[in-house]
Amino acid sequence: MKKILPSEITPYSTYLNRRKFVKTASAFSIATSLSLSAKALHNNDSSKYISKLDENDELNTYEEITTYNNFYEFGMGKSDPSNNSSLFNPKPWTIKIEGLVEKPLEINLEDLLKKIQIEDRIYRLRCVEAWSMVIPWQGFPLSELIKIASPLSSAKYIQFVTIFRPEEMPGQKRRLLPWPYVEGLRMDEAMNPLTILSTGLYGHDLLNQNGAPLRLVVPWKYGFKSIKSIETIRFVEKQPSATWSMVAPNEYGFYSNVNNTVDHPRWSQATERRIGEFMRRPTLMFNGYEEEVAHLYKDMDLQTYY
């Protein structure tokens, strides 16, 4: 893994100045989108920049984003992923696509990225532990990969599986969780324009502690739904198993939408601590993306389907 020097990290003020955007309506009610200078992007590709933040939202620093992480495959502490992930090798990387698809296949990530347009997405990240960040991701809509997979009409859900390499991921040697880590989405959630597979942040490839080389980002759900280091994507008919829902179903539901009115059994979800700030702030329903996703859960009891 190439170490990124502090001098190479783009300050967030500079990052935003490169990607200033105009407030216009978009097809998906996302705040903005425009083409960027090729010099500012991976592989000199054209890209979209999409952001939906409030006036009091600022990007967290690169250091905060890359040193304060939950990634139990490398340890339980917040600094463990950055301290214990140097042996993990994310290149080359192959993604297995299986289940209810026209033809199961394996895709080399490097080859895939040559075919798919990388976009910039600035999203809030809300952890179920009631802390949050604002992160400038790079990646592509999950819907683009779903098109390549050509799922059958019987596929109603998608399950994601993290790679299992205990020799490189020391946390997997402990029985804290049933390994490998698994997560899932309903098909309409996966197809939502906000849902992306991230390949980088702050203009750099993902570091190991952030889920290199490919992680899911679903900004209206608690962070543990955004599974890291994805090796397998499986299309299934019935709701798939998800790690935390299996381990503690009374605390972590399958949907795990950010909901400020439904508390965790052991703490309130009404407020959150933004990393880098002293005062707590109110938590927003669906993490502030209610306009874009509330229709997915129409007529559902969100107290029951938490």
C-alpha atoms as a PDB file:
ATOM      1  CA  MET A   1       0.000   0.000   0.000  1.00  0.00           C
ATOM      2  CA  LYS A   2       1.433   3.366  -1.035  1.00  0.00           C
ATOM      3  CA  LYS A   3       1.542   5.756   1.903  1.00  0.00           C
ATOM      4  CA  ILE A   4       0.004   9.156   1.178  1.00  0.00           C
ATOM      5  CA  LEU A   5       2.140  11.961   2.510  1.00  0.00           C
ATOM      6  CA  PRO A   6       0.502  14.918   4.275  1.00  0.00           C
ATOM      7  CA  SER A   7       1.775  17.189   1.504  1.00  0.00           C
ATOM      8  CA  GLU A   8      -0.196  15.136  -1.037  1.00  0.00           C
ATOM      9  CA  ILE A   9      -3.534  15.492   0.731  1.00  0.00           C
ATOM     10  CA  THR A  10      -5.824  18.122  -0.720  1.00  0.00           C
ATOM     11  CA  PRO A  11      -7.097  20.539   1.959  1.00  0.00           C
ATOM     12  CA  TYR A  12     -10.884  20.457   2.044  1.00  0.00           C
ATOM     13  CA  SER A  13     -11.126  24.183   1.244  1.00  0.00           C
ATOM     14  CA  THR A  14      -9.083  23.634  -1.908  1.00  0.00           C
ATOM     15  CA  TYR A  15     -11.060  20.506  -2.724  1.00  0.00           C
ATOM     16  CA  LEU A  16     -14.325  22.416  -2.542  1.00  0.00           C
ATOM     17  CA  ASN A  17     -12.993  25.352  -4.557  1.00  0.00           C
ATOM     18  CA  ARG A  18     -12.104  22.939  -7.359  1.00  0.00           C
ATOM     19  CA  ARG A  19     -15.613  21.571  -7.280  1.00  0.00           C
ATOM     20  CA  LYS A  20     -17.775  24.625  -6.765  1.00  0.00           C
ATOM     21  CA  PHE A  21     -21.283  23.906  -7.922  1.00  0.00           C
ATOM     22  CA  VAL A  22     -24.444  25.807  -8.885  1.00  0.00           C
ATOM     23  CA  LYS A  23     -27.735  25.179  -7.149  1.00  0.00           C
ATOM     24  CA  THR A  24     -29.990  23.643  -9.776  1.00  0.00           C
ATOM     25  CA  ALA A  25     -32.693  21.030  -9.734  1.00  0.00           C
ATOM     26  CA  SER A  26     -31.635  17.554 -10.752  1.00  0.00           C
ATOM     27  CA  ALA A  27     -33.474  14.538 -12.043  1.00  0.00           C
ATOM     28  CA  PHE A  28     -33.226  12.802  -8.695  1.00  0.00           C
ATOM     29  CA  SER A  29     -33.754  15.840  -6.430  1.00  0.00           C
ATOM     30  CA  ILE A  30     -30.081  15.650  -5.498  1.00  0.00           C
ATOM     31  CA  ALA A  31     -28.620  19.076  -4.957  1.00  0.00           C
ATOM     32  CA  THR A  32     -26.274  19.589  -7.896  1.00  0.00           C
ATOM     33  CA  SER A  33     -24.320  18.045 -10.693  1.00  0.00           C
ATOM     34  CA  LEU A  34     -21.787  19.324 -13.205  1.00  0.00           C
ATOM     35  CA  SER A  35     -18.800  18.265 -15.230  1.00  0.00           C
ATOM     36  CA  LEU A  36     -15.329  18.770 -13.763  1.00  0.00           C
ATOM     37  CA  SER A  37     -11.918  19.606 -15.097  1.00  0.00           C
ATOM     38  CA  ALA A  38     -10.100  16.449 -16.162  1.00  0.00           C
ATOM     39  CA  LYS A  39      -7.109  17.380 -14.010  1.00  0.00           C
ATOM     40  CA  ALA A  40      -9.198  17.037 -10.855  1.00  0.00           C
ATOM     41  CA  LEU A  41     -10.343  13.489 -11.510  1.00  0.00           C
ATOM     42  CA  HIS A  42      -9.116   9.905 -11.435  1.00  0.00           C
ATOM     43  CA  ASN A  43      -7.670   8.700 -14.720  1.00  0.00           C
ATOM     44  CA  ASN A  44      -8.485  12.034 -16.409  1.00  0.00           C
ATOM     45  CA  ASP A  45     -12.115  10.973 -16.869  1.00  0.00           C
ATOM     46  CA  SER A  46     -15.088  13.315 -16.980  1.00  0.00           C
ATOM     47  CA  SER A  47     -17.293  13.115 -13.892  1.00  0.00           C
ATOM     48  CA  LYS A  48     -20.307  14.360 -12.016  1.00  0.00           C
ATOM     49  CA  TYR A  49     -20.156  16.144  -8.698  1.00  0.00           C
ATOM     50  CA  ILE A  50     -23.142  15.553  -6.441  1.00  0.00           C
ATOM     51  CA  SER A  51     -23.646  17.012  -3.013  1.00  0.00           C
ATOM     52  CA  LYS A  52     -26.481  17.650  -0.629  1.00  0.00           C
ATOM     53  CA  LEU A  53     -25.360  19.376   2.519  1.00  0.00           C
ATOM     54  CA  ASP A  54     -26.678  22.029   4.856  1.00  0.00           C
ATOM     55  CA  GLU A  55     -24.964  25.368   5.441  1.00  0.00           C
ATOM     56  CA  ASN A  56     -23.490  24.115   8.719  1.00  0.00           C
ATOM     57  CA  ASP A  57     -22.012  20.985   7.127  1.00  0.00           C
ATOM     58  CA  GLU A  58     -18.284  20.988   6.428  1.00  0.00           C
ATOM     59  CA  LEU A  59     -16.078  18.201   5.171  1.00  0.00           C
ATOM     60  CA  ASN A  60     -14.202  16.270   7.780  1.00  0.00           C
ATOM     61  CA  THR A  61     -10.459  16.330   7.325  1.00  0.00           C
ATOM     62  CA  TYR A  62      -8.610  13.566   5.528  1.00  0.00           C
ATOM     63  CA  GLU A  63      -6.896  12.648   8.787  1.00  0.00           C
ATOM     64  CA  GLU A  64     -10.210  12.314  10.661  1.00  0.00           C
ATOM     65  CA  ILE A  65     -11.747  10.193   7.918  1.00  0.00           C
ATOM     66  CA  THR A  66      -8.777   7.848   7.657  1.00  0.00           C
ATOM     67  CA  THR A  67      -7.888   7.408  11.350  1.00  0.00           C
ATOM     68  CA  TYR A  68     -11.326   7.169  13.028  1.00  0.00           C
ATOM     69  CA  ASN A  69     -12.957   4.037  11.640  1.00  0.00           C
ATOM     70  CA  ASN A  70     -15.028   0.985  12.463  1.00  0.00           C
ATOM     71  CA  PHE A  71     -13.617  -1.988  10.574  1.00  0.00           C
ATOM     72  CA  TYR A  72     -13.596  -4.921  12.983  1.00  0.00           C
ATOM     73  CA  GLU A  73     -11.638  -7.078  10.564  1.00  0.00           C
ATOM     74  CA  PHE A  74      -8.660  -5.025  11.769  1.00  0.00           C
ATOM     75  CA  GLY A  75      -9.659  -4.570  15.406  1.00  0.00           C
ATOM     76  CA  MET A  76     -12.325  -3.062  17.644  1.00  0.00           C
ATOM     77  CA  GLY A  77     -10.711   0.313  18.385  1.00  0.00           C
ATOM     78  CA  LYS A  78     -11.269   3.373  16.205  1.00  0.00           C
ATOM     79  CA  SER A  79      -7.550   3.612  15.413  1.00  0.00           C
ATOM     80  CA  ASP A  80      -7.072  -0.134  14.912  1.00  0.00           C
ATOM     81  CA  PRO A  81      -8.004  -0.147  11.206  1.00  0.00           C
ATOM     82  CA  SER A  82      -5.380   2.466  10.333  1.00  0.00           C
ATOM     83  CA  ASN A  83      -2.775   0.813  12.588  1.00  0.00           C
ATOM     84  CA  ASN A  84      -3.399  -2.837  11.694  1.00  0.00           C
ATOM     85  CA  SER A  85      -4.197  -2.858   7.976  1.00  0.00           C
ATOM     86  CA  SER A  86      -0.773  -2.429   6.375  1.00  0.00           C
ATOM     87  CA  LEU A  87      -0.535  -6.121   5.426  1.00  0.00           C
ATOM     88  CA  PHE A  88      -3.813  -6.073   3.520  1.00  0.00           C
ATOM     89  CA  ASN A  89      -3.304  -6.163  -0.250  1.00  0.00           C
ATOM     90  CA  PRO A  90      -6.236  -4.730  -2.261  1.00  0.00           C
ATOM     91  CA  LYS A  91      -4.634  -5.100  -5.697  1.00  0.00           C
ATOM     92  CA  PRO A  92      -5.384  -6.909  -7.926  1.00  0.00           C
ATOM     93  CA  TRP A  93      -9.037  -7.350  -7.014  1.00  0.00           C
ATOM     94  CA  THR A  94     -11.758  -9.542  -8.467  1.00  0.00           C
ATOM     95  CA  ILE A  95     -15.479  -9.214  -7.780  1.00  0.00           C
ATOM     96  CA  LYS A  96     -17.656 -12.318  -7.978  1.00  0.00           C
ATOM     97  CA  ILE A  97     -21.215 -11.792  -9.225  1.00  0.00           C
ATOM     98  CA  GLU A  98     -23.474 -14.741  -8.548  1.00  0.00           C
ATOM     99  CA  GLY A  99     -26.964 -15.914  -7.714  1.00  0.00           C
ATOM    100  CA  LEU A 100     -30.026 -14.944  -9.740  1.00  0.00           C
ATOM    101  CA  VAL A 101     -28.244 -13.448 -12.746  1.00  0.00           C
ATOM    102  CA  GLU A 102     -28.268 -14.340 -16.427  1.00  0.00           C
ATOM    103  CA  LYS A 103     -24.669 -15.528 -16.209  1.00  0.00           C
ATOM    104  CA  PRO A 104     -22.504 -15.636 -13.066  1.00  0.00           C
ATOM    105  CA  LEU A 105     -19.144 -13.977 -13.659  1.00  0.00           C
ATOM    106  CA  GLU A 106     -15.992 -12.589 -12.115  1.00  0.00           C
ATOM    107  CA  ILE A 107     -14.924  -9.037 -12.911  1.00  0.00           C
ATOM    108  CA  ASN A 108     -11.472  -7.568 -12.452  1.00  0.00           C
ATOM    109  CA  LEU A 109     -11.973  -4.238 -10.690  1.00  0.00           C
ATOM    110  CA  GLU A 110      -9.274  -2.466 -12.690  1.00  0.00           C
ATOM    111  CA  ASP A 111     -10.958  -3.508 -15.949  1.00  0.00           C
ATOM    112  CA  LEU A 112     -14.379  -2.527 -14.628  1.00  0.00           C
ATOM    113  CA  LEU A 113     -13.221   0.987 -13.751  1.00  0.00           C
ATOM    114  CA  LYS A 114     -12.106   1.533 -17.333  1.00  0.00           C
ATOM    115  CA  LYS A 115     -15.733   1.148 -18.419  1.00  0.00           C
ATOM    116  CA  ILE A 116     -17.536   3.081 -15.695  1.00  0.00           C
ATOM    117  CA  GLN A 117     -17.555   6.819 -15.075  1.00  0.00           C
ATOM    118  CA  ILE A 118     -16.252   7.801 -11.653  1.00  0.00           C
ATOM    119  CA  GLU A 119     -18.272  10.480  -9.869  1.00  0.00           C
ATOM    120  CA  ASP A 120     -17.668  12.742  -6.878  1.00  0.00           C
ATOM    121  CA  ARG A 121     -20.247  12.432  -4.084  1.00  0.00           C
ATOM    122  CA  ILE A 122     -20.158  14.415  -0.853  1.00  0.00           C
ATOM    123  CA  TYR A 123     -22.324  12.591   1.683  1.00  0.00           C
ATOM    124  CA  ARG A 124     -22.976  12.601   5.391  1.00  0.00           C
ATOM    125  CA  LEU A 125     -22.010   9.364   7.149  1.00  0.00           C
ATOM    126  CA  ARG A 126     -23.998   8.588  10.309  1.00  0.00           C
ATOM    127  CA  CYS A 127     -22.768   5.750  12.523  1.00  0.00           C
ATOM    128  CA  VAL A 128     -25.256   3.794  14.611  1.00  0.00           C
ATOM    129  CA  GLU A 129     -23.020   4.730  17.575  1.00  0.00           C
ATOM    130  CA  ALA A 130     -24.317   8.334  17.183  1.00  0.00           C
ATOM    131  CA  TRP A 131     -21.234   9.943  15.636  1.00  0.00           C
ATOM    132  CA  SER A 132     -21.041  11.311  12.127  1.00  0.00           C
ATOM    133  CA  MET A 133     -18.784  12.714   9.402  1.00  0.00           C
ATOM    134  CA  VAL A 134     -19.047  14.443   6.041  1.00  0.00           C
ATOM    135  CA  ILE A 135     -16.975  12.615   3.418  1.00  0.00           C
ATOM    136  CA  PRO A 136     -16.062  13.427  -0.204  1.00  0.00           C
ATOM    137  CA  TRP A 137     -16.297  10.039  -1.889  1.00  0.00           C
ATOM    138  CA  GLN A 138     -15.385   8.980  -5.379  1.00  0.00           C
ATOM    139  CA  GLY A 139     -17.207   6.061  -6.939  1.00  0.00           C
ATOM    140  CA  PHE A 140     -20.019   5.022  -9.249  1.00  0.00           C
ATOM    141  CA  PRO A 141     -23.720   4.217  -8.880  1.00  0.00           C
ATOM    142  CA  LEU A 142     -24.357   0.628  -7.824  1.00  0.00           C
ATOM    143  CA  SER A 143     -27.045   0.586 -10.509  1.00  0.00           C
ATOM    144  CA  GLU A 144     -24.294   0.598 -13.164  1.00  0.00           C
ATOM    145  CA  LEU A 145     -22.895  -2.680 -11.882  1.00  0.00           C
ATOM    146  CA  ILE A 146     -26.390  -4.124 -11.565  1.00  0.00           C
ATOM    147  CA  LYS A 147     -26.922  -3.444 -15.276  1.00  0.00           C
ATOM    148  CA  ILE A 148     -23.756  -5.384 -16.072  1.00  0.00           C
ATOM    149  CA  ALA A 149     -24.876  -8.255 -13.832  1.00  0.00           C
ATOM    150  CA  SER A 150     -28.259  -8.564 -15.628  1.00  0.00           C
ATOM    151  CA  PRO A 151     -30.206  -9.971 -12.661  1.00  0.00           C
ATOM    152  CA  LEU A 152     -33.275 -12.124 -13.242  1.00  0.00           C
ATOM    153  CA  SER A 153     -36.715 -10.719 -12.451  1.00  0.00           C
ATOM    154  CA  SER A 154     -36.855 -13.036  -9.440  1.00  0.00           C
ATOM    155  CA  ALA A 155     -33.927 -11.197  -7.797  1.00  0.00           C
ATOM    156  CA  LYS A 156     -35.476  -8.965  -5.125  1.00  0.00           C
ATOM    157  CA  TYR A 157     -32.423  -8.419  -2.899  1.00  0.00           C
ATOM    158  CA  ILE A 158     -28.648  -8.155  -3.113  1.00  0.00           C
ATOM    159  CA  GLN A 159     -26.208  -9.593  -0.596  1.00  0.00           C
ATOM    160  CA  PHE A 160     -22.633  -8.304  -0.294  1.00  0.00           C
ATOM    161  CA  VAL A 161     -19.747 -10.266   1.180  1.00  0.00           C
ATOM    162  CA  THR A 162     -16.458  -8.917   2.549  1.00  0.00           C
ATOM    163  CA  ILE A 163     -13.295 -10.800   1.652  1.00  0.00           C
ATOM    164  CA  PHE A 164     -12.037 -13.322   4.212  1.00  0.00           C
ATOM    165  CA  ARG A 165      -8.250 -13.095   4.688  1.00  0.00           C
ATOM    166  CA  PRO A 166      -7.403 -13.662   8.367  1.00  0.00           C
ATOM    167  CA  GLU A 167      -3.691 -13.675   7.552  1.00  0.00           C
ATOM    168  CA  GLU A 168      -4.063 -10.046   6.378  1.00  0.00           C
ATOM    169  CA  MET A 169      -7.036  -8.997   8.501  1.00  0.00           C
ATOM    170  CA  PRO A 170      -6.093  -9.886  12.095  1.00  0.00           C
ATOM    171  CA  GLY A 171      -9.532  -9.142  13.502  1.00  0.00           C
ATOM    172  CA  GLN A 172     -10.905 -12.104  11.564  1.00  0.00           C
ATOM    173  CA  LYS A 173      -8.822 -14.411  13.754  1.00  0.00           C
ATOM    174  CA  ARG A 174     -11.120 -13.537  16.652  1.00  0.00           C
ATOM    175  CA  ARG A 175     -14.682 -14.819  17.013  1.00  0.00           C
ATOM    176  CA  LEU A 176     -16.138 -11.384  17.627  1.00  0.00           C
ATOM    177  CA  LEU A 177     -18.398 -11.736  14.573  1.00  0.00           C
ATOM    178  CA  PRO A 178     -19.238 -14.579  12.192  1.00  0.00           C
ATOM    179  CA  TRP A 179     -16.851 -14.050   9.288  1.00  0.00           C
ATOM    180  CA  PRO A 180     -16.958 -13.077   6.520  1.00  0.00           C
ATOM    181  CA  TYR A 181     -19.007  -9.929   7.095  1.00  0.00           C
ATOM    182  CA  VAL A 182     -22.220  -9.832   5.047  1.00  0.00           C
ATOM    183  CA  GLU A 183     -24.793  -7.145   4.319  1.00  0.00           C
ATOM    184  CA  GLY A 184     -27.794  -6.690   2.065  1.00  0.00           C
ATOM    185  CA  LEU A 185     -30.137  -4.273   0.343  1.00  0.00           C
ATOM    186  CA  ARG A 186     -33.523  -4.507  -1.238  1.00  0.00           C
ATOM    187  CA  MET A 187     -33.274  -4.129  -5.019  1.00  0.00           C
ATOM    188  CA  ASP A 188     -34.984  -0.735  -5.126  1.00  0.00           C
ATOM    189  CA  GLU A 189     -32.585   0.545  -2.443  1.00  0.00           C
ATOM    190  CA  ALA A 190     -29.647  -0.713  -4.479  1.00  0.00           C
ATOM    191  CA  MET A 191     -30.961   0.997  -7.617  1.00  0.00           C
ATOM    192  CA  ASN A 192     -31.511   4.348  -5.895  1.00  0.00           C
ATOM    193  CA  PRO A 193     -29.250   7.044  -7.427  1.00  0.00           C
ATOM    194  CA  LEU A 194     -27.735   7.864  -4.020  1.00  0.00           C
ATOM    195  CA  THR A 195     -26.343   4.340  -3.571  1.00  0.00           C
ATOM    196  CA  ILE A 196     -22.759   4.048  -4.780  1.00  0.00           C
ATOM    197  CA  LEU A 197     -19.798   1.729  -4.751  1.00  0.00           C
ATOM    198  CA  SER A 198     -16.884   3.846  -3.600  1.00  0.00           C
ATOM    199  CA  THR A 199     -13.351   3.483  -4.915  1.00  0.00           C
ATOM    200  CA  GLY A 200     -11.814   6.544  -3.262  1.00  0.00           C
ATOM    201  CA  LEU A 201     -12.168   9.623  -1.081  1.00  0.00           C
ATOM    202  CA  TYR A 202     -10.651  13.088  -1.120  1.00  0.00           C
ATOM    203  CA  GLY A 203      -9.388  12.371  -4.647  1.00  0.00           C
ATOM    204  CA  HIS A 204      -7.285   9.366  -3.576  1.00  0.00           C
ATOM    205  CA  ASP A 205      -7.888   5.625  -3.838  1.00  0.00           C
ATOM    206  CA  LEU A 206      -9.518   4.167  -0.725  1.00  0.00           C
ATOM    207  CA  LEU A 207      -7.064   3.287   1.991  1.00  0.00           C
ATOM    208  CA  ASN A 208      -7.288  -0.154   3.563  1.00  0.00           C
ATOM    209  CA  GLN A 209      -8.903   1.189   6.737  1.00  0.00           C
ATOM    210  CA  ASN A 210     -11.698   2.782   4.692  1.00  0.00           C
ATOM    211  CA  GLY A 211     -12.616  -0.390   2.819  1.00  0.00           C
ATOM    212  CA  ALA A 212     -10.172  -0.648  -0.082  1.00  0.00           C
ATOM    213  CA  PRO A 213     -10.548  -1.194  -2.874  1.00  0.00           C
ATOM    214  CA  LEU A 214     -14.364  -1.189  -3.080  1.00  0.00           C
ATOM    215  CA  ARG A 215     -17.027  -0.428  -0.498  1.00  0.00           C
ATOM    216  CA  LEU A 216     -20.724   0.254  -0.485  1.00  0.00           C
ATOM    217  CA  VAL A 217     -22.002   3.714   0.507  1.00  0.00           C
ATOM    218  CA  VAL A 218     -25.701   4.100   1.360  1.00  0.00           C
ATOM    219  CA  PRO A 219     -25.893   7.566   2.938  1.00  0.00           C
ATOM    220  CA  TRP A 220     -29.395   7.335   4.440  1.00  0.00           C
ATOM    221  CA  LYS A 221     -28.544   4.196   6.420  1.00  0.00           C
ATOM    222  CA  TYR A 222     -26.312   3.696   9.444  1.00  0.00           C
ATOM    223  CA  GLY A 223     -22.676   3.235   8.521  1.00  0.00           C
ATOM    224  CA  PHE A 224     -22.434  -0.502   9.221  1.00  0.00           C
ATOM    225  CA  LYS A 225     -24.654  -1.102   6.168  1.00  0.00           C
ATOM    226  CA  SER A 226     -21.877   0.326   3.968  1.00  0.00           C
ATOM    227  CA  ILE A 227     -19.918  -2.912   3.791  1.00  0.00           C
ATOM    228  CA  LYS A 228     -16.195  -2.690   3.012  1.00  0.00           C
ATOM    229  CA  SER A 229     -13.694  -4.625   0.850  1.00  0.00           C
ATOM    230  CA  ILE A 230     -16.445  -6.308  -1.161  1.00  0.00           C
ATOM    231  CA  GLU A 231     -15.513  -9.600  -2.796  1.00  0.00           C
ATOM    232  CA  THR A 232     -18.899 -11.089  -3.717  1.00  0.00           C
ATOM    233  CA  ILE A 233     -22.194  -9.584  -4.866  1.00  0.00           C
ATOM    234  CA  ARG A 234     -25.028 -12.099  -4.778  1.00  0.00           C
ATOM    235  CA  PHE A 235     -28.538 -11.591  -6.192  1.00  0.00           C
ATOM    236  CA  VAL A 236     -31.233 -13.448  -4.237  1.00  0.00           C
ATOM    237  CA  GLU A 237     -34.999 -13.762  -4.018  1.00  0.00           C
ATOM    238  CA  LYS A 238     -35.453 -13.520  -0.236  1.00  0.00           C
ATOM    239  CA  GLN A 239     -34.090 -11.085   2.331  1.00  0.00           C
ATOM    240  CA  PRO A 240     -30.454 -12.118   2.869  1.00  0.00           C
ATOM    241  CA  SER A 241     -28.555 -12.481   6.099  1.00  0.00           C
ATOM    242  CA  ALA A 242     -26.738  -9.394   7.403  1.00  0.00           C
ATOM    243  CA  THR A 243     -24.047  -9.706  10.058  1.00  0.00           C
ATOM    244  CA  TRP A 244     -25.241  -7.327  12.771  1.00  0.00           C
ATOM    245  CA  SER A 245     -28.871  -8.319  12.245  1.00  0.00           C
ATOM    246  CA  MET A 246     -27.838 -11.930  12.880  1.00  0.00           C
ATOM    247  CA  VAL A 247     -25.688 -11.119  15.912  1.00  0.00           C
ATOM    248  CA  ALA A 248     -28.115  -8.765  17.679  1.00  0.00           C
ATOM    249  CA  PRO A 249     -31.493  -8.641  15.891  1.00  0.00           C
ATOM    250  CA  ASN A 250     -33.092  -6.667  18.729  1.00  0.00           C
ATOM    251  CA  GLU A 251     -30.568  -3.864  18.198  1.00  0.00           C
ATOM    252  CA  TYR A 252     -29.771  -3.875  14.470  1.00  0.00           C
ATOM    253  CA  GLY A 253     -32.541  -4.364  11.947  1.00  0.00           C
ATOM    254  CA  PHE A 254     -32.104  -5.267   8.309  1.00  0.00           C
ATOM    255  CA  TYR A 255     -33.086  -1.818   7.047  1.00  0.00           C
ATOM    256  CA  SER A 256     -31.108   0.254   9.568  1.00  0.00           C
ATOM    257  CA  ASN A 257     -32.282   3.564   8.169  1.00  0.00           C
ATOM    258  CA  VAL A 258     -31.127   6.609  10.114  1.00  0.00           C
ATOM    259  CA  ASN A 259     -34.174   7.426  12.213  1.00  0.00           C
ATOM    260  CA  ASN A 260     -34.034  10.078  14.915  1.00  0.00           C
ATOM    261  CA  THR A 261     -37.338   8.876  16.372  1.00  0.00           C
ATOM    262  CA  VAL A 262     -36.280   5.246  16.944  1.00  0.00           C
ATOM    263  CA  ASP A 263     -33.635   4.893  19.637  1.00  0.00           C
ATOM    264  CA  HIS A 264     -31.081   2.144  19.884  1.00  0.00           C
ATOM    265  CA  PRO A 265     -31.955   0.016  22.943  1.00  0.00           C
ATOM    266  CA  ARG A 266     -28.879   1.391  24.721  1.00  0.00           C
ATOM    267  CA  TRP A 267     -28.760   5.038  23.570  1.00  0.00           C
ATOM    268  CA  SER A 268     -30.720   7.826  21.918  1.00  0.00           C
ATOM    269  CA  GLN A 269     -30.532   8.429  18.181  1.00  0.00           C
ATOM    270  CA  ALA A 270     -32.007  11.940  18.417  1.00  0.00           C
ATOM    271  CA  THR A 271     -28.604  13.648  18.290  1.00  0.00           C
ATOM    272  CA  GLU A 272     -25.101  12.912  17.041  1.00  0.00           C
ATOM    273  CA  ARG A 273     -21.514  13.986  17.574  1.00  0.00           C
ATOM    274  CA  ARG A 274     -19.916  15.226  14.378  1.00  0.00           C
ATOM    275  CA  ILE A 275     -16.261  14.224  14.558  1.00  0.00           C
ATOM    276  CA  GLY A 276     -14.210  17.375  15.067  1.00  0.00           C
ATOM    277  CA  GLU A 277     -17.029  19.286  16.765  1.00  0.00           C
ATOM    278  CA  PHE A 278     -17.669  19.853  20.461  1.00  0.00           C
ATOM    279  CA  MET A 279     -21.450  20.332  20.508  1.00  0.00           C
ATOM    280  CA  ARG A 280     -23.894  17.596  19.535  1.00  0.00           C
ATOM    281  CA  ARG A 281     -26.259  18.285  16.670  1.00  0.00           C
ATOM    282  CA  PRO A 282     -29.766  16.989  15.888  1.00  0.00           C
ATOM    283  CA  THR A 283     -29.910  13.868  13.749  1.00  0.00           C
ATOM    284  CA  LEU A 284     -31.925  14.227  10.542  1.00  0.00           C
ATOM    285  CA  MET A 285     -34.468  11.675   9.395  1.00  0.00           C
ATOM    286  CA  PHE A 286     -32.869   9.403   6.798  1.00  0.00           C
ATOM    287  CA  ASN A 287     -29.667  11.351   7.549  1.00  0.00           C
ATOM    288  CA  GLY A 288     -31.062  14.324   5.631  1.00  0.00           C
ATOM    289  CA  TYR A 289     -31.958  12.386   2.467  1.00  0.00           C
ATOM    290  CA  GLU A 290     -35.665  12.023   3.229  1.00  0.00           C
ATOM    291  CA  GLU A 291     -36.784  13.669  -0.012  1.00  0.00           C
ATOM    292  CA  GLU A 292     -34.824  11.167  -2.078  1.00  0.00           C
ATOM    293  CA  VAL A 293     -35.626   7.928  -0.239  1.00  0.00           C
ATOM    294  CA  ALA A 294     -38.760   8.200   1.934  1.00  0.00           C
ATOM    295  CA  HIS A 295     -40.900   6.827  -0.905  1.00  0.00           C
ATOM    296  CA  LEU A 296     -39.018   3.521  -0.652  1.00  0.00           C
ATOM    297  CA  TYR A 297     -40.639   2.899   2.735  1.00  0.00           C
ATOM    298  CA  LYS A 298     -44.151   4.212   2.102  1.00  0.00           C
ATOM    299  CA  ASP A 299     -46.731   2.452   4.293  1.00  0.00           C
ATOM    300  CA  MET A 300     -43.987   0.621   6.212  1.00  0.00           C
ATOM    301  CA  ASP A 301     -43.940   0.798  10.003  1.00  0.00           C
ATOM    302  CA  LEU A 302     -40.428   2.102  10.622  1.00  0.00           C
ATOM    303  CA  GLN A 303     -40.715   1.198  14.309  1.00  0.00           C
ATOM    304  CA  THR A 304     -41.043  -2.444  13.269  1.00  0.00           C
ATOM    305  CA  TYR A 305     -38.855  -2.400  10.159  1.00  0.00           C
ATOM    306  CA  TYR A 306     -35.988  -0.574  11.805  1.00  0.00           C
END
